[in-house]
Amino acid sequence: MRIQVPLVIEMTDEQVKQYASEFGLPAQGGTLYAREVVEHVRGRVLASVQDSVAFGETGDGTRRAGISIKR
């Protein structure tokens, strides 16, 4: 079975700056690149869902579900 879950994450400019600062995302000349933030957020969301109790590993080491992010 395949279940698609659309997800939208919205951040203000200030929230983006705070996020980037907290996670040490690169900025060149004070300019933060949007693709860096997008890729980092996607990775964090993917890891969070994969590691969740609902979808993570079972007691025998198998995973409950395969999780991916559609690009």
N, C-alpha and C. Protein backbone atom coordinates (compact mmCIF):
# COMPACT_ATOMS: atom_id res chain seq x y z
N MET A 1 0.84 -1.17 0.00
CA MET A 1 0.00 0.00 0.00
C MET A 1 0.89 1.24 0.00
N ARG A 2 0.49 2.21 -0.76
CA ARG A 2 1.23 3.47 -0.81
C ARG A 2 0.33 4.59 -0.29
N ILE A 3 0.81 5.33 0.68
CA ILE A 3 0.05 6.42 1.28
C ILE A 3 0.86 7.70 1.10
N GLN A 4 0.29 8.65 0.36
CA GLN A 4 0.96 9.94 0.17
C GLN A 4 0.38 10.93 1.16
N VAL A 5 1.28 11.68 1.78
CA VAL A 5 0.87 12.69 2.75
C VAL A 5 1.50 14.01 2.35
N PRO A 6 0.73 14.90 1.72
CA PRO A 6 1.28 16.21 1.37
C PRO A 6 1.64 16.97 2.66
N LEU A 7 2.74 17.65 2.62
CA LEU A 7 3.21 18.37 3.80
C LEU A 7 3.77 19.71 3.36
N VAL A 8 3.35 20.76 4.03
CA VAL A 8 3.86 22.09 3.74
C VAL A 8 4.41 22.65 5.05
N ILE A 9 5.62 23.15 4.98
CA ILE A 9 6.25 23.79 6.13
C ILE A 9 6.46 25.25 5.77
N GLU A 10 5.92 26.14 6.55
CA GLU A 10 6.08 27.57 6.29
C GLU A 10 6.90 28.20 7.40
N MET A 11 7.86 29.03 7.00
CA MET A 11 8.69 29.76 7.95
C MET A 11 8.77 31.22 7.51
N THR A 12 8.74 32.11 8.49
CA THR A 12 8.99 33.51 8.18
C THR A 12 10.48 33.67 7.91
N ASP A 13 10.87 34.81 7.39
CA ASP A 13 12.30 35.07 7.15
C ASP A 13 13.09 34.95 8.44
N GLU A 14 12.52 35.43 9.52
CA GLU A 14 13.21 35.35 10.83
C GLU A 14 13.34 33.91 11.29
N GLN A 15 12.32 33.11 11.10
CA GLN A 15 12.38 31.70 11.48
C GLN A 15 13.43 30.96 10.65
N VAL A 16 13.53 31.30 9.37
CA VAL A 16 14.55 30.69 8.51
C VAL A 16 15.94 31.03 9.03
N LYS A 17 16.15 32.28 9.38
CA LYS A 17 17.45 32.70 9.91
C LYS A 17 17.78 31.96 11.20
N GLN A 18 16.81 31.85 12.09
CA GLN A 18 17.02 31.13 13.35
C GLN A 18 17.32 29.66 13.10
N TYR A 19 16.56 29.05 12.20
CA TYR A 19 16.76 27.64 11.86
C TYR A 19 18.17 27.41 11.32
N ALA A 20 18.55 28.25 10.36
CA ALA A 20 19.87 28.13 9.74
C ALA A 20 20.98 28.31 10.77
N SER A 21 20.80 29.26 11.65
CA SER A 21 21.79 29.50 12.69
C SER A 21 21.90 28.31 13.64
N GLU A 22 20.76 27.78 14.04
CA GLU A 22 20.73 26.65 14.98
C GLU A 22 21.41 25.41 14.40
N PHE A 23 21.23 25.18 13.11
CA PHE A 23 21.78 23.98 12.50
C PHE A 23 23.06 24.23 11.71
N GLY A 24 23.58 25.45 11.79
CA GLY A 24 24.86 25.75 11.16
C GLY A 24 24.84 25.67 9.64
N LEU A 25 23.74 26.06 9.02
CA LEU A 25 23.68 26.02 7.56
C LEU A 25 24.54 27.13 6.97
N PRO A 26 25.17 26.82 5.86
CA PRO A 26 26.11 27.78 5.27
C PRO A 26 25.42 28.99 4.65
N ALA A 27 26.07 30.11 4.82
CA ALA A 27 25.63 31.35 4.17
C ALA A 27 26.88 32.01 3.61
N GLN A 28 26.80 32.45 2.37
CA GLN A 28 27.95 33.08 1.74
C GLN A 28 27.72 34.58 1.71
N GLY A 29 28.60 35.31 2.32
CA GLY A 29 28.44 36.76 2.37
C GLY A 29 27.17 37.18 3.09
N GLY A 30 26.75 36.39 4.06
CA GLY A 30 25.53 36.71 4.80
C GLY A 30 24.26 36.27 4.11
N THR A 31 24.37 35.71 2.90
CA THR A 31 23.19 35.26 2.15
C THR A 31 23.02 33.75 2.34
N LEU A 32 21.88 33.38 2.84
CA LEU A 32 21.55 31.98 3.03
C LEU A 32 20.85 31.48 1.77
N TYR A 33 21.29 30.37 1.25
CA TYR A 33 20.70 29.83 0.04
C TYR A 33 19.47 28.98 0.36
N ALA A 34 18.37 29.26 -0.33
CA ALA A 34 17.10 28.58 -0.08
C ALA A 34 17.24 27.07 -0.25
N ARG A 35 17.98 26.64 -1.25
CA ARG A 35 18.08 25.18 -1.49
C ARG A 35 18.75 24.47 -0.31
N GLU A 36 19.68 25.15 0.35
CA GLU A 36 20.33 24.56 1.53
C GLU A 36 19.30 24.33 2.64
N VAL A 37 18.45 25.33 2.86
CA VAL A 37 17.42 25.22 3.90
C VAL A 37 16.43 24.13 3.51
N VAL A 38 15.96 24.14 2.27
CA VAL A 38 14.98 23.15 1.81
C VAL A 38 15.53 21.73 1.98
N GLU A 39 16.74 21.49 1.52
CA GLU A 39 17.33 20.15 1.62
C GLU A 39 17.51 19.73 3.07
N HIS A 40 17.92 20.65 3.91
CA HIS A 40 18.12 20.32 5.33
C HIS A 40 16.79 19.98 5.99
N VAL A 41 15.76 20.79 5.74
CA VAL A 41 14.44 20.52 6.32
C VAL A 41 13.91 19.19 5.82
N ARG A 42 14.03 18.91 4.53
CA ARG A 42 13.57 17.62 4.00
C ARG A 42 14.26 16.46 4.71
N GLY A 43 15.56 16.58 4.89
CA GLY A 43 16.31 15.53 5.56
C GLY A 43 15.87 15.33 7.00
N ARG A 44 15.62 16.43 7.71
CA ARG A 44 15.17 16.35 9.10
C ARG A 44 13.78 15.71 9.19
N VAL A 45 12.88 16.11 8.28
CA VAL A 45 11.53 15.55 8.28
C VAL A 45 11.60 14.05 7.97
N LEU A 46 12.37 13.69 6.97
CA LEU A 46 12.50 12.28 6.61
C LEU A 46 13.05 11.46 7.78
N ALA A 47 14.11 11.93 8.40
CA ALA A 47 14.70 11.21 9.53
C ALA A 47 13.72 11.10 10.69
N SER A 48 12.98 12.16 10.95
CA SER A 48 12.02 12.14 12.06
C SER A 48 10.93 11.10 11.83
N VAL A 49 10.42 11.06 10.62
CA VAL A 49 9.35 10.10 10.32
C VAL A 49 9.90 8.67 10.31
N GLN A 50 11.07 8.48 9.69
CA GLN A 50 11.66 7.14 9.65
C GLN A 50 11.95 6.61 11.04
N ASP A 51 12.35 7.48 11.95
CA ASP A 51 12.73 7.06 13.30
C ASP A 51 11.56 7.05 14.28
N SER A 52 10.38 7.42 13.82
CA SER A 52 9.23 7.47 14.72
C SER A 52 8.82 6.07 15.16
N VAL A 53 8.12 6.02 16.27
CA VAL A 53 7.64 4.73 16.79
C VAL A 53 6.73 4.04 15.79
N ALA A 54 5.92 4.82 15.09
CA ALA A 54 4.96 4.24 14.16
C ALA A 54 5.62 3.58 12.96
N PHE A 55 6.77 4.10 12.50
CA PHE A 55 7.37 3.61 11.27
C PHE A 55 8.80 3.10 11.42
N GLY A 56 9.37 3.24 12.57
CA GLY A 56 10.77 2.85 12.79
C GLY A 56 10.96 1.36 12.89
N GLU A 57 12.08 0.99 13.49
CA GLU A 57 12.42 -0.43 13.60
C GLU A 57 11.57 -1.14 14.65
N THR A 58 11.32 -2.39 14.37
CA THR A 58 10.61 -3.24 15.32
C THR A 58 11.64 -3.90 16.22
N GLY A 59 11.19 -4.69 17.14
CA GLY A 59 12.09 -5.37 18.07
C GLY A 59 13.07 -6.31 17.39
N ASP A 60 12.72 -6.84 16.22
CA ASP A 60 13.61 -7.76 15.51
C ASP A 60 14.50 -7.05 14.49
N GLY A 61 14.47 -5.70 14.48
CA GLY A 61 15.36 -4.95 13.61
C GLY A 61 14.82 -4.63 12.23
N THR A 62 13.60 -5.10 11.92
CA THR A 62 13.01 -4.74 10.63
C THR A 62 12.26 -3.41 10.77
N ARG A 63 11.99 -2.77 9.64
CA ARG A 63 11.26 -1.50 9.65
C ARG A 63 9.78 -1.75 9.40
N ARG A 64 8.97 -0.91 9.99
CA ARG A 64 7.52 -1.04 9.83
C ARG A 64 7.05 -0.52 8.46
N ALA A 65 7.81 0.40 7.88
CA ALA A 65 7.42 0.97 6.58
C ALA A 65 8.63 1.60 5.91
N GLY A 66 8.60 1.64 4.60
CA GLY A 66 9.61 2.37 3.85
C GLY A 66 9.11 3.80 3.67
N ILE A 67 9.92 4.76 4.01
CA ILE A 67 9.55 6.18 3.93
C ILE A 67 10.48 6.89 2.96
N SER A 68 9.92 7.69 2.09
CA SER A 68 10.74 8.51 1.18
C SER A 68 10.05 9.85 0.97
N ILE A 69 10.80 10.81 0.46
CA ILE A 69 10.25 12.11 0.15
C ILE A 69 10.24 12.26 -1.37
N LYS A 70 9.07 12.55 -1.89
CA LYS A 70 8.91 12.75 -3.33
C LYS A 70 9.52 14.11 -3.72
N ARG A 71 10.30 14.13 -4.75
CA ARG A 71 10.93 15.37 -5.20
C ARG A 71 10.22 15.94 -6.40
